[in-house]
Amino acid sequence: MNETPNAASPVIRRPQRTLTPEEHETVRDTAALNFQGGLLMGIIDPVPNPSPMSEDEGTWVREQVWPAFLTDIDRKYPFGFWRWSNCERGTCRNCLARRCDLCVHRQEGGPHVDDNTEWVHDTRGMVVAKFTLRPDGAPCVWWCRCPCAKTGPAPDRPTRGRRRQKTAAVSAPEPGPLASEAHSDEAAASEAAEQYTLF
């Protein structure tokens, strides 16, 4: 049973993760295609649920127990691929780029809620069984973790360097050399900030 909540459905607020400097380096070293895939799936900054298994134990299981088809994909993503349930996904790509007006869940009117089902695979990757997560009834669903509003009027879009430059050119057709230099420095700084806005 799949359903798409409408804009009136309550937003599920879960804490947002802040990456450490070491985690930033891990993300920066990710291949571009996997980086883009991670952004689309919200697993660039996943937030793990509490687990009785330590990180060292989890690493051992992945290295010693997981079949190759799981580890081959998992190691291509900064924090893994198969490790995250929907409710552990992080911030959407648009909010990471400070475009909260385009938040994935604002566009869709909410996340796509599944029926809390995850799948068990055999060593060849074939589905052999299903199991249900979060038996307490809490939906295993991804709501973008950005604290921005998911309903109501969209936040203002950020102004971009080129747009500011165009506006300045219209309002002051013949700026003096100092004003022109200051403006180009401001535009360059703005474009550099936008280039690194994810991290």
N, C-alpha and C. Protein backbone atom coordinates (compact mmCIF):
# COMPACT_ATOMS: atom_id res chain seq x y z
N MET A 1 0.84 -1.18 0.00
CA MET A 1 0.00 0.00 0.00
C MET A 1 0.89 1.24 0.00
N ASN A 2 0.90 1.94 -1.08
CA ASN A 2 1.65 3.19 -1.16
C ASN A 2 0.67 4.35 -1.15
N GLU A 3 1.03 5.39 -0.46
CA GLU A 3 0.18 6.57 -0.46
C GLU A 3 1.06 7.80 -0.42
N THR A 4 0.57 8.84 -1.00
CA THR A 4 1.28 10.12 -0.98
C THR A 4 0.49 11.08 -0.13
N PRO A 5 1.01 11.51 1.02
CA PRO A 5 0.26 12.42 1.86
C PRO A 5 0.08 13.76 1.15
N ASN A 6 -1.02 14.42 1.45
CA ASN A 6 -1.21 15.75 0.88
C ASN A 6 -0.55 16.78 1.77
N ALA A 7 -0.63 18.03 1.36
CA ALA A 7 0.05 19.09 2.10
C ALA A 7 -0.46 19.22 3.52
N ALA A 8 -1.66 18.70 3.80
CA ALA A 8 -2.22 18.83 5.14
C ALA A 8 -1.66 17.78 6.10
N SER A 9 -0.92 16.80 5.60
CA SER A 9 -0.39 15.76 6.48
C SER A 9 0.67 16.37 7.40
N PRO A 10 0.75 15.88 8.63
CA PRO A 10 1.71 16.48 9.56
C PRO A 10 3.15 16.18 9.15
N VAL A 11 4.00 17.16 9.30
CA VAL A 11 5.41 16.99 8.99
C VAL A 11 6.06 16.22 10.13
N ILE A 12 6.85 15.21 9.78
CA ILE A 12 7.57 14.46 10.80
C ILE A 12 8.94 15.11 10.95
N ARG A 13 9.18 15.69 12.11
CA ARG A 13 10.44 16.38 12.37
C ARG A 13 11.42 15.42 13.04
N ARG A 14 12.55 15.22 12.39
CA ARG A 14 13.61 14.41 12.96
C ARG A 14 14.88 15.24 12.95
N PRO A 15 15.79 15.00 13.88
CA PRO A 15 16.98 15.86 13.98
C PRO A 15 17.86 15.78 12.75
N GLN A 16 18.44 16.93 12.41
CA GLN A 16 19.32 17.03 11.26
C GLN A 16 20.76 16.77 11.71
N ARG A 17 21.52 16.14 10.84
CA ARG A 17 22.91 15.82 11.16
C ARG A 17 23.84 16.90 10.63
N THR A 18 24.84 17.26 11.41
CA THR A 18 25.88 18.17 10.96
C THR A 18 27.15 17.35 10.75
N LEU A 19 27.67 17.36 9.54
CA LEU A 19 28.85 16.57 9.24
C LEU A 19 30.09 17.16 9.90
N THR A 20 30.94 16.28 10.39
CA THR A 20 32.22 16.70 10.97
C THR A 20 33.19 17.01 9.83
N PRO A 21 34.30 17.69 10.11
CA PRO A 21 35.30 17.94 9.06
C PRO A 21 35.78 16.64 8.40
N GLU A 22 35.95 15.58 9.19
CA GLU A 22 36.38 14.30 8.62
C GLU A 22 35.31 13.73 7.69
N GLU A 23 34.04 13.88 8.08
CA GLU A 23 32.95 13.40 7.23
C GLU A 23 32.84 14.22 5.95
N HIS A 24 33.12 15.52 6.03
CA HIS A 24 33.16 16.36 4.82
C HIS A 24 34.20 15.82 3.84
N GLU A 25 35.36 15.42 4.36
CA GLU A 25 36.40 14.87 3.49
C GLU A 25 35.94 13.57 2.84
N THR A 26 35.25 12.74 3.60
CA THR A 26 34.72 11.49 3.06
C THR A 26 33.76 11.77 1.91
N VAL A 27 32.89 12.76 2.09
CA VAL A 27 31.93 13.12 1.05
C VAL A 27 32.65 13.69 -0.16
N ARG A 28 33.65 14.55 0.06
CA ARG A 28 34.38 15.16 -1.05
C ARG A 28 35.09 14.13 -1.91
N ASP A 29 35.48 12.99 -1.32
CA ASP A 29 36.21 11.96 -2.05
C ASP A 29 35.29 11.01 -2.81
N THR A 30 33.98 11.25 -2.76
CA THR A 30 33.02 10.37 -3.44
C THR A 30 32.99 10.67 -4.93
N ALA A 31 32.90 9.62 -5.74
CA ALA A 31 32.77 9.81 -7.19
C ALA A 31 31.53 10.63 -7.49
N ALA A 32 31.59 11.46 -8.53
CA ALA A 32 30.52 12.42 -8.83
C ALA A 32 29.16 11.74 -9.00
N LEU A 33 29.11 10.62 -9.72
CA LEU A 33 27.83 9.96 -9.97
C LEU A 33 27.22 9.44 -8.67
N ASN A 34 28.05 8.85 -7.80
CA ASN A 34 27.55 8.36 -6.52
C ASN A 34 27.16 9.51 -5.61
N PHE A 35 27.91 10.61 -5.70
CA PHE A 35 27.57 11.79 -4.91
C PHE A 35 26.18 12.30 -5.29
N GLN A 36 25.92 12.40 -6.60
CA GLN A 36 24.61 12.86 -7.06
C GLN A 36 23.52 11.88 -6.64
N GLY A 37 23.78 10.58 -6.74
CA GLY A 37 22.81 9.59 -6.30
C GLY A 37 22.52 9.71 -4.82
N GLY A 38 23.58 9.93 -4.03
CA GLY A 38 23.40 10.11 -2.59
C GLY A 38 22.56 11.33 -2.27
N LEU A 39 22.78 12.42 -3.03
CA LEU A 39 21.97 13.63 -2.83
C LEU A 39 20.49 13.34 -3.13
N LEU A 40 20.23 12.64 -4.21
CA LEU A 40 18.85 12.34 -4.59
C LEU A 40 18.15 11.47 -3.55
N MET A 41 18.89 10.56 -2.94
CA MET A 41 18.28 9.64 -1.99
C MET A 41 18.32 10.13 -0.55
N GLY A 42 18.97 11.26 -0.30
CA GLY A 42 19.04 11.77 1.06
C GLY A 42 19.99 11.00 1.95
N ILE A 43 21.02 10.35 1.35
CA ILE A 43 21.96 9.60 2.18
C ILE A 43 23.36 10.21 2.17
N ILE A 44 23.44 11.51 1.86
CA ILE A 44 24.70 12.23 2.01
C ILE A 44 24.92 12.58 3.48
N ASP A 45 23.85 12.75 4.23
CA ASP A 45 23.96 13.01 5.67
C ASP A 45 22.94 12.16 6.45
N PRO A 46 22.98 10.82 6.29
CA PRO A 46 22.00 9.99 6.98
C PRO A 46 22.15 10.08 8.49
N VAL A 47 21.08 9.82 9.21
CA VAL A 47 21.10 9.87 10.68
C VAL A 47 20.69 8.50 11.19
N PRO A 48 21.64 7.71 11.68
CA PRO A 48 21.30 6.35 12.09
C PRO A 48 20.40 6.31 13.32
N ASN A 49 19.47 5.38 13.32
CA ASN A 49 18.68 5.11 14.52
C ASN A 49 19.58 4.44 15.56
N PRO A 50 19.20 4.52 16.84
CA PRO A 50 19.99 3.81 17.85
C PRO A 50 20.08 2.33 17.51
N SER A 51 21.24 1.75 17.73
CA SER A 51 21.45 0.34 17.40
C SER A 51 22.20 -0.35 18.53
N PRO A 52 21.84 -1.60 18.83
CA PRO A 52 22.61 -2.34 19.84
C PRO A 52 23.98 -2.75 19.32
N MET A 53 24.19 -2.63 18.01
CA MET A 53 25.46 -3.02 17.40
C MET A 53 26.37 -1.80 17.29
N SER A 54 27.61 -1.96 17.73
CA SER A 54 28.57 -0.85 17.63
C SER A 54 29.00 -0.68 16.18
N GLU A 55 29.66 0.44 15.89
CA GLU A 55 30.15 0.68 14.52
C GLU A 55 31.19 -0.37 14.13
N ASP A 56 32.05 -0.75 15.07
CA ASP A 56 33.05 -1.78 14.78
C ASP A 56 32.38 -3.11 14.46
N GLU A 57 31.35 -3.47 15.21
CA GLU A 57 30.61 -4.71 14.94
C GLU A 57 29.93 -4.64 13.58
N GLY A 58 29.35 -3.49 13.26
CA GLY A 58 28.71 -3.31 11.97
C GLY A 58 29.71 -3.45 10.83
N THR A 59 30.90 -2.87 11.02
CA THR A 59 31.95 -2.99 10.00
C THR A 59 32.34 -4.45 9.80
N TRP A 60 32.47 -5.20 10.90
CA TRP A 60 32.82 -6.61 10.80
C TRP A 60 31.75 -7.38 10.02
N VAL A 61 30.48 -7.11 10.31
CA VAL A 61 29.39 -7.81 9.62
C VAL A 61 29.44 -7.49 8.13
N ARG A 62 29.65 -6.21 7.78
CA ARG A 62 29.70 -5.84 6.36
C ARG A 62 30.88 -6.51 5.65
N GLU A 63 32.01 -6.61 6.34
CA GLU A 63 33.20 -7.19 5.71
C GLU A 63 33.17 -8.71 5.66
N GLN A 64 32.63 -9.35 6.70
CA GLN A 64 32.73 -10.80 6.82
C GLN A 64 31.45 -11.55 6.42
N VAL A 65 30.31 -10.89 6.51
CA VAL A 65 29.05 -11.59 6.33
C VAL A 65 28.31 -11.17 5.07
N TRP A 66 28.32 -9.88 4.77
CA TRP A 66 27.57 -9.41 3.61
C TRP A 66 28.10 -10.04 2.33
N PRO A 67 27.21 -10.42 1.41
CA PRO A 67 27.65 -10.91 0.10
C PRO A 67 28.22 -9.77 -0.74
N ALA A 68 28.94 -10.13 -1.78
CA ALA A 68 29.64 -9.14 -2.60
C ALA A 68 28.70 -8.11 -3.21
N PHE A 69 27.48 -8.53 -3.63
CA PHE A 69 26.60 -7.57 -4.29
C PHE A 69 26.20 -6.45 -3.35
N LEU A 70 26.18 -6.70 -2.03
CA LEU A 70 25.87 -5.63 -1.08
C LEU A 70 27.08 -4.73 -0.85
N THR A 71 28.24 -5.33 -0.64
CA THR A 71 29.42 -4.53 -0.32
C THR A 71 29.90 -3.71 -1.51
N ASP A 72 29.74 -4.25 -2.73
CA ASP A 72 30.20 -3.52 -3.92
C ASP A 72 29.48 -2.19 -4.06
N ILE A 73 28.19 -2.17 -3.83
CA ILE A 73 27.43 -0.93 -3.93
C ILE A 73 27.66 -0.06 -2.70
N ASP A 74 27.66 -0.68 -1.54
CA ASP A 74 27.74 0.07 -0.29
C ASP A 74 29.01 0.89 -0.20
N ARG A 75 30.13 0.35 -0.65
CA ARG A 75 31.41 1.06 -0.48
C ARG A 75 31.55 2.25 -1.43
N LYS A 76 30.67 2.39 -2.40
CA LYS A 76 30.76 3.51 -3.34
C LYS A 76 30.15 4.80 -2.79
N TYR A 77 29.38 4.70 -1.71
CA TYR A 77 28.71 5.87 -1.15
C TYR A 77 29.42 6.30 0.12
N PRO A 78 29.42 7.59 0.43
CA PRO A 78 30.23 8.08 1.54
C PRO A 78 29.93 7.38 2.86
N PHE A 79 28.66 7.11 3.13
CA PHE A 79 28.29 6.45 4.39
C PHE A 79 27.49 5.18 4.12
N GLY A 80 27.73 4.58 2.98
CA GLY A 80 27.06 3.33 2.65
C GLY A 80 25.76 3.55 1.90
N PHE A 81 25.25 2.48 1.34
CA PHE A 81 24.04 2.52 0.53
C PHE A 81 22.92 1.68 1.14
N TRP A 82 23.23 0.45 1.52
CA TRP A 82 22.20 -0.48 2.02
C TRP A 82 21.91 -0.29 3.49
N ARG A 83 22.64 0.53 4.18
CA ARG A 83 22.53 0.61 5.64
C ARG A 83 21.34 1.43 6.12
N TRP A 84 20.71 2.20 5.23
CA TRP A 84 19.78 3.22 5.69
C TRP A 84 18.33 2.89 5.35
N SER A 85 17.48 2.91 6.36
CA SER A 85 16.05 2.82 6.14
C SER A 85 15.53 4.20 5.74
N ASN A 86 14.30 4.27 5.26
CA ASN A 86 13.73 5.56 4.86
C ASN A 86 13.77 6.57 6.00
N CYS A 87 13.48 6.11 7.23
CA CYS A 87 13.42 7.05 8.35
C CYS A 87 14.79 7.51 8.81
N GLU A 88 15.87 6.97 8.22
CA GLU A 88 17.22 7.39 8.57
C GLU A 88 17.83 8.33 7.53
N ARG A 89 17.10 8.61 6.46
CA ARG A 89 17.63 9.51 5.44
C ARG A 89 17.71 10.93 5.98
N GLY A 90 18.61 11.71 5.36
CA GLY A 90 18.90 13.04 5.89
C GLY A 90 18.21 14.18 5.17
N THR A 91 18.99 15.14 4.70
CA THR A 91 18.48 16.37 4.11
C THR A 91 18.45 16.24 2.59
N CYS A 92 17.43 16.79 1.97
CA CYS A 92 17.32 16.67 0.51
C CYS A 92 18.34 17.58 -0.18
N ARG A 93 18.61 17.29 -1.44
CA ARG A 93 19.64 18.01 -2.19
C ARG A 93 19.35 19.50 -2.30
N ASN A 94 18.07 19.86 -2.44
CA ASN A 94 17.75 21.28 -2.61
C ASN A 94 17.99 22.06 -1.32
N CYS A 95 17.61 21.49 -0.19
CA CYS A 95 17.85 22.19 1.08
C CYS A 95 19.34 22.26 1.39
N LEU A 96 20.12 21.22 1.02
CA LEU A 96 21.57 21.30 1.20
C LEU A 96 22.17 22.42 0.38
N ALA A 97 21.54 22.73 -0.76
CA ALA A 97 22.02 23.83 -1.62
C ALA A 97 21.35 25.15 -1.25
N ARG A 98 20.70 25.19 -0.08
CA ARG A 98 20.01 26.39 0.43
C ARG A 98 18.87 26.83 -0.49
N ARG A 99 18.22 25.87 -1.12
CA ARG A 99 17.06 26.14 -1.95
C ARG A 99 15.83 25.51 -1.30
N CYS A 100 15.52 25.98 -0.09
CA CYS A 100 14.40 25.39 0.66
C CYS A 100 13.07 25.59 -0.04
N ASP A 101 12.99 26.58 -0.95
CA ASP A 101 11.74 26.76 -1.71
C ASP A 101 11.51 25.57 -2.64
N LEU A 102 12.56 24.79 -2.92
CA LEU A 102 12.45 23.61 -3.78
C LEU A 102 12.62 22.31 -2.99
N CYS A 103 12.42 22.35 -1.68
CA CYS A 103 12.55 21.15 -0.86
C CYS A 103 11.74 20.02 -1.50
N VAL A 104 12.35 18.84 -1.58
CA VAL A 104 11.71 17.70 -2.23
C VAL A 104 10.32 17.46 -1.66
N HIS A 105 10.17 17.55 -0.37
CA HIS A 105 8.88 17.24 0.24
C HIS A 105 7.89 18.39 0.14
N ARG A 106 8.37 19.58 -0.09
CA ARG A 106 7.46 20.68 -0.42
C ARG A 106 6.90 20.47 -1.82
N GLN A 107 7.74 20.04 -2.75
CA GLN A 107 7.29 19.83 -4.12
C GLN A 107 6.26 18.71 -4.20
N GLU A 108 6.48 17.63 -3.45
CA GLU A 108 5.60 16.49 -3.54
C GLU A 108 4.39 16.62 -2.62
N GLY A 109 4.37 17.65 -1.76
CA GLY A 109 3.30 17.74 -0.78
C GLY A 109 3.51 16.77 0.36
N GLY A 110 4.70 16.25 0.48
CA GLY A 110 5.01 15.29 1.53
C GLY A 110 5.77 14.13 0.94
N PRO A 111 6.33 13.29 1.79
CA PRO A 111 7.10 12.15 1.28
C PRO A 111 6.18 11.04 0.81
N HIS A 112 6.74 10.12 0.05
CA HIS A 112 6.00 8.92 -0.32
C HIS A 112 6.12 7.94 0.84
N VAL A 113 5.01 7.64 1.46
CA VAL A 113 5.02 6.76 2.62
C VAL A 113 4.84 5.32 2.15
N ASP A 114 5.77 4.45 2.55
CA ASP A 114 5.58 3.05 2.20
C ASP A 114 4.83 2.34 3.33
N ASP A 115 4.73 1.04 3.24
CA ASP A 115 3.98 0.31 4.27
C ASP A 115 4.90 -0.26 5.34
N ASN A 116 6.02 0.44 5.59
CA ASN A 116 7.00 0.03 6.60
C ASN A 116 7.67 -1.28 6.25
N THR A 117 7.71 -1.65 4.99
CA THR A 117 8.29 -2.93 4.58
C THR A 117 9.70 -2.74 4.04
N GLU A 118 10.59 -3.58 4.50
CA GLU A 118 11.92 -3.69 3.92
C GLU A 118 12.08 -5.13 3.42
N TRP A 119 13.06 -5.36 2.56
CA TRP A 119 13.20 -6.66 1.91
C TRP A 119 14.48 -7.36 2.31
N VAL A 120 14.42 -8.68 2.46
CA VAL A 120 15.57 -9.52 2.75
C VAL A 120 16.02 -10.16 1.44
N HIS A 121 17.32 -10.07 1.15
CA HIS A 121 17.88 -10.62 -0.08
C HIS A 121 18.73 -11.84 0.22
N ASP A 122 18.82 -12.74 -0.75
CA ASP A 122 19.75 -13.87 -0.60
C ASP A 122 21.12 -13.47 -1.12
N THR A 123 22.06 -14.42 -1.16
CA THR A 123 23.43 -14.09 -1.54
C THR A 123 23.58 -13.67 -2.99
N ARG A 124 22.56 -13.92 -3.82
CA ARG A 124 22.60 -13.49 -5.21
C ARG A 124 21.85 -12.19 -5.44
N GLY A 125 21.25 -11.63 -4.38
CA GLY A 125 20.53 -10.38 -4.51
C GLY A 125 19.05 -10.53 -4.78
N MET A 126 18.55 -11.76 -4.74
CA MET A 126 17.12 -12.00 -4.98
C MET A 126 16.34 -11.77 -3.69
N VAL A 127 15.14 -11.18 -3.80
CA VAL A 127 14.30 -10.97 -2.63
C VAL A 127 13.74 -12.31 -2.17
N VAL A 128 13.93 -12.62 -0.89
CA VAL A 128 13.44 -13.90 -0.36
C VAL A 128 12.39 -13.73 0.73
N ALA A 129 12.33 -12.55 1.32
CA ALA A 129 11.35 -12.33 2.39
C ALA A 129 11.21 -10.84 2.64
N LYS A 130 10.20 -10.47 3.37
CA LYS A 130 10.06 -9.08 3.78
C LYS A 130 9.92 -9.02 5.29
N PHE A 131 10.34 -7.91 5.85
CA PHE A 131 10.13 -7.70 7.27
C PHE A 131 9.71 -6.27 7.49
N THR A 132 9.06 -6.04 8.60
CA THR A 132 8.50 -4.72 8.89
C THR A 132 9.35 -4.02 9.94
N LEU A 133 9.73 -2.81 9.64
CA LEU A 133 10.50 -1.99 10.58
C LEU A 133 9.58 -1.16 11.44
N ARG A 134 10.10 -0.71 12.56
CA ARG A 134 9.37 0.19 13.47
C ARG A 134 7.98 -0.37 13.81
N PRO A 135 7.93 -1.51 14.49
CA PRO A 135 6.64 -2.11 14.82
C PRO A 135 5.80 -1.26 15.77
N ASP A 136 6.39 -0.18 16.31
CA ASP A 136 5.61 0.69 17.19
C ASP A 136 4.59 1.52 16.41
N GLY A 137 4.58 1.37 15.10
CA GLY A 137 3.59 2.08 14.29
C GLY A 137 4.09 3.39 13.72
N ALA A 138 5.29 3.86 14.16
CA ALA A 138 5.82 5.10 13.59
C ALA A 138 6.19 4.84 12.14
N PRO A 139 5.78 5.71 11.22
CA PRO A 139 6.05 5.43 9.80
C PRO A 139 7.53 5.48 9.47
N CYS A 140 7.99 4.47 8.76
CA CYS A 140 9.37 4.49 8.27
C CYS A 140 9.35 5.27 6.97
N VAL A 141 9.46 6.58 7.10
CA VAL A 141 9.29 7.47 5.96
C VAL A 141 10.36 8.53 6.01
N TRP A 142 10.78 8.98 4.83
CA TRP A 142 11.77 10.06 4.77
C TRP A 142 11.07 11.40 4.66
N TRP A 143 11.21 12.20 5.70
CA TRP A 143 10.89 13.63 5.64
C TRP A 143 12.23 14.34 5.67
N CYS A 144 12.48 15.19 4.69
CA CYS A 144 13.73 15.96 4.67
C CYS A 144 13.97 16.57 6.05
N ARG A 145 15.17 16.43 6.57
CA ARG A 145 15.48 16.86 7.94
C ARG A 145 15.79 18.35 8.07
N CYS A 146 15.80 19.07 6.97
CA CYS A 146 16.00 20.51 7.06
C CYS A 146 14.87 21.11 7.91
N PRO A 147 15.16 22.05 8.80
CA PRO A 147 14.10 22.63 9.63
C PRO A 147 13.17 23.58 8.88
N CYS A 148 13.37 23.74 7.57
CA CYS A 148 12.51 24.67 6.82
C CYS A 148 11.06 24.19 6.80
N ALA A 149 10.15 25.12 6.53
CA ALA A 149 8.73 24.78 6.46
C ALA A 149 8.47 23.91 5.23
N LYS A 150 7.67 22.87 5.41
CA LYS A 150 7.33 21.99 4.30
C LYS A 150 5.95 22.31 3.73
N THR A 151 5.22 23.16 4.40
CA THR A 151 3.89 23.56 3.95
C THR A 151 3.78 25.08 4.02
N GLY A 152 2.72 25.62 3.46
CA GLY A 152 2.50 27.06 3.49
C GLY A 152 3.30 27.76 2.40
N PRO A 153 3.38 29.09 2.48
CA PRO A 153 4.10 29.83 1.44
C PRO A 153 5.56 29.40 1.37
N ALA A 154 6.07 29.34 0.15
CA ALA A 154 7.47 28.94 -0.04
C ALA A 154 8.39 30.05 0.44
N PRO A 155 9.52 29.68 1.04
CA PRO A 155 10.49 30.70 1.43
C PRO A 155 11.04 31.42 0.20
N ASP A 156 11.56 32.62 0.40
CA ASP A 156 12.15 33.35 -0.71
C ASP A 156 13.36 32.61 -1.25
N ARG A 157 13.52 32.67 -2.57
CA ARG A 157 14.70 32.08 -3.18
C ARG A 157 15.92 32.93 -2.86
N PRO A 158 17.07 32.30 -2.68
CA PRO A 158 18.28 33.10 -2.45
C PRO A 158 18.65 33.88 -3.70
N THR A 159 19.19 35.07 -3.51
CA THR A 159 19.64 35.84 -4.66
C THR A 159 20.99 35.30 -5.10
N ARG A 160 21.20 35.28 -6.39
CA ARG A 160 22.44 34.72 -6.94
C ARG A 160 23.35 35.86 -7.38
N GLY A 161 24.64 35.59 -7.48
CA GLY A 161 25.63 36.60 -7.82
C GLY A 161 25.35 37.27 -9.15
N ARG A 162 25.01 36.47 -10.18
CA ARG A 162 24.78 37.06 -11.50
C ARG A 162 23.55 37.96 -11.50
N ARG A 163 22.54 37.56 -10.76
CA ARG A 163 21.33 38.37 -10.69
C ARG A 163 21.63 39.71 -10.02
N ARG A 164 22.44 39.66 -8.95
CA ARG A 164 22.82 40.90 -8.27
C ARG A 164 23.63 41.78 -9.19
N GLN A 165 24.52 41.17 -9.98
CA GLN A 165 25.34 41.93 -10.91
C GLN A 165 24.48 42.62 -11.95
N LYS A 166 23.48 41.89 -12.48
CA LYS A 166 22.58 42.46 -13.49
C LYS A 166 21.78 43.62 -12.89
N THR A 167 21.28 43.43 -11.67
CA THR A 167 20.51 44.48 -11.01
C THR A 167 21.37 45.72 -10.79
N ALA A 168 22.62 45.53 -10.36
CA ALA A 168 23.50 46.66 -10.13
C ALA A 168 23.78 47.40 -11.44
N ALA A 169 23.94 46.65 -12.54
CA ALA A 169 24.22 47.29 -13.82
C ALA A 169 23.04 48.13 -14.28
N VAL A 170 21.81 47.68 -14.02
CA VAL A 170 20.62 48.43 -14.42
C VAL A 170 20.46 49.68 -13.56
N SER A 171 20.70 49.55 -12.24
CA SER A 171 20.48 50.69 -11.36
C SER A 171 21.60 51.73 -11.46
N ALA A 172 22.80 51.32 -11.83
CA ALA A 172 23.92 52.26 -11.95
C ALA A 172 24.62 51.98 -13.28
N PRO A 173 24.13 52.59 -14.37
CA PRO A 173 24.64 52.25 -15.68
C PRO A 173 26.13 52.53 -15.87
N GLU A 174 26.67 53.56 -15.21
CA GLU A 174 28.08 53.87 -15.41
C GLU A 174 28.78 53.99 -14.07
N PRO A 175 29.03 52.84 -13.42
CA PRO A 175 29.71 52.94 -12.13
C PRO A 175 31.18 53.32 -12.33
N GLY A 176 31.72 53.99 -11.32
CA GLY A 176 33.14 54.33 -11.37
C GLY A 176 33.99 53.09 -11.22
N PRO A 177 35.29 53.19 -11.50
CA PRO A 177 36.14 52.01 -11.47
C PRO A 177 36.19 51.33 -10.10
N LEU A 178 36.17 52.08 -9.00
CA LEU A 178 36.22 51.47 -7.67
C LEU A 178 34.95 50.68 -7.40
N ALA A 179 33.80 51.26 -7.76
CA ALA A 179 32.54 50.55 -7.54
C ALA A 179 32.49 49.28 -8.38
N SER A 180 32.98 49.37 -9.61
CA SER A 180 32.98 48.20 -10.50
C SER A 180 33.85 47.09 -9.93
N GLU A 181 35.04 47.45 -9.44
CA GLU A 181 35.93 46.44 -8.86
C GLU A 181 35.32 45.81 -7.63
N ALA A 182 34.72 46.64 -6.78
CA ALA A 182 34.09 46.11 -5.57
C ALA A 182 32.97 45.15 -5.92
N HIS A 183 32.19 45.52 -6.94
CA HIS A 183 31.07 44.66 -7.32
C HIS A 183 31.55 43.34 -7.88
N SER A 184 32.59 43.37 -8.73
CA SER A 184 33.07 42.11 -9.30
C SER A 184 33.67 41.23 -8.21
N ASP A 185 34.33 41.83 -7.20
CA ASP A 185 34.82 41.04 -6.07
C ASP A 185 33.67 40.40 -5.32
N GLU A 186 32.60 41.17 -5.11
CA GLU A 186 31.43 40.65 -4.40
C GLU A 186 30.79 39.51 -5.19
N ALA A 187 30.68 39.67 -6.52
CA ALA A 187 30.08 38.62 -7.35
C ALA A 187 30.95 37.37 -7.33
N ALA A 188 32.27 37.54 -7.40
CA ALA A 188 33.16 36.38 -7.38
C ALA A 188 33.06 35.64 -6.06
N ALA A 189 33.01 36.41 -4.96
CA ALA A 189 32.88 35.77 -3.64
C ALA A 189 31.56 35.04 -3.53
N SER A 190 30.49 35.65 -4.06
CA SER A 190 29.17 35.03 -4.01
C SER A 190 29.15 33.73 -4.81
N GLU A 191 29.73 33.76 -6.01
CA GLU A 191 29.76 32.55 -6.84
C GLU A 191 30.61 31.46 -6.20
N ALA A 192 31.70 31.84 -5.55
CA ALA A 192 32.54 30.86 -4.87
C ALA A 192 31.76 30.23 -3.71
N ALA A 193 31.00 31.06 -2.98
CA ALA A 193 30.20 30.53 -1.87
C ALA A 193 29.15 29.57 -2.38
N GLU A 194 28.52 29.89 -3.52
CA GLU A 194 27.50 29.00 -4.08
C GLU A 194 28.10 27.68 -4.52
N GLN A 195 29.34 27.74 -5.04
CA GLN A 195 29.99 26.51 -5.52
C GLN A 195 30.19 25.53 -4.38
N TYR A 196 30.46 26.04 -3.19
CA TYR A 196 30.75 25.18 -2.04
C TYR A 196 29.60 25.17 -1.04
N THR A 197 28.41 25.52 -1.49
CA THR A 197 27.31 25.68 -0.54
C THR A 197 26.92 24.38 0.15
N LEU A 198 27.18 23.23 -0.48
CA LEU A 198 26.83 21.96 0.15
C LEU A 198 27.71 21.68 1.35
N PHE A 199 28.93 22.16 1.30
CA PHE A 199 29.85 21.83 2.38
C PHE A 199 30.64 23.03 2.78
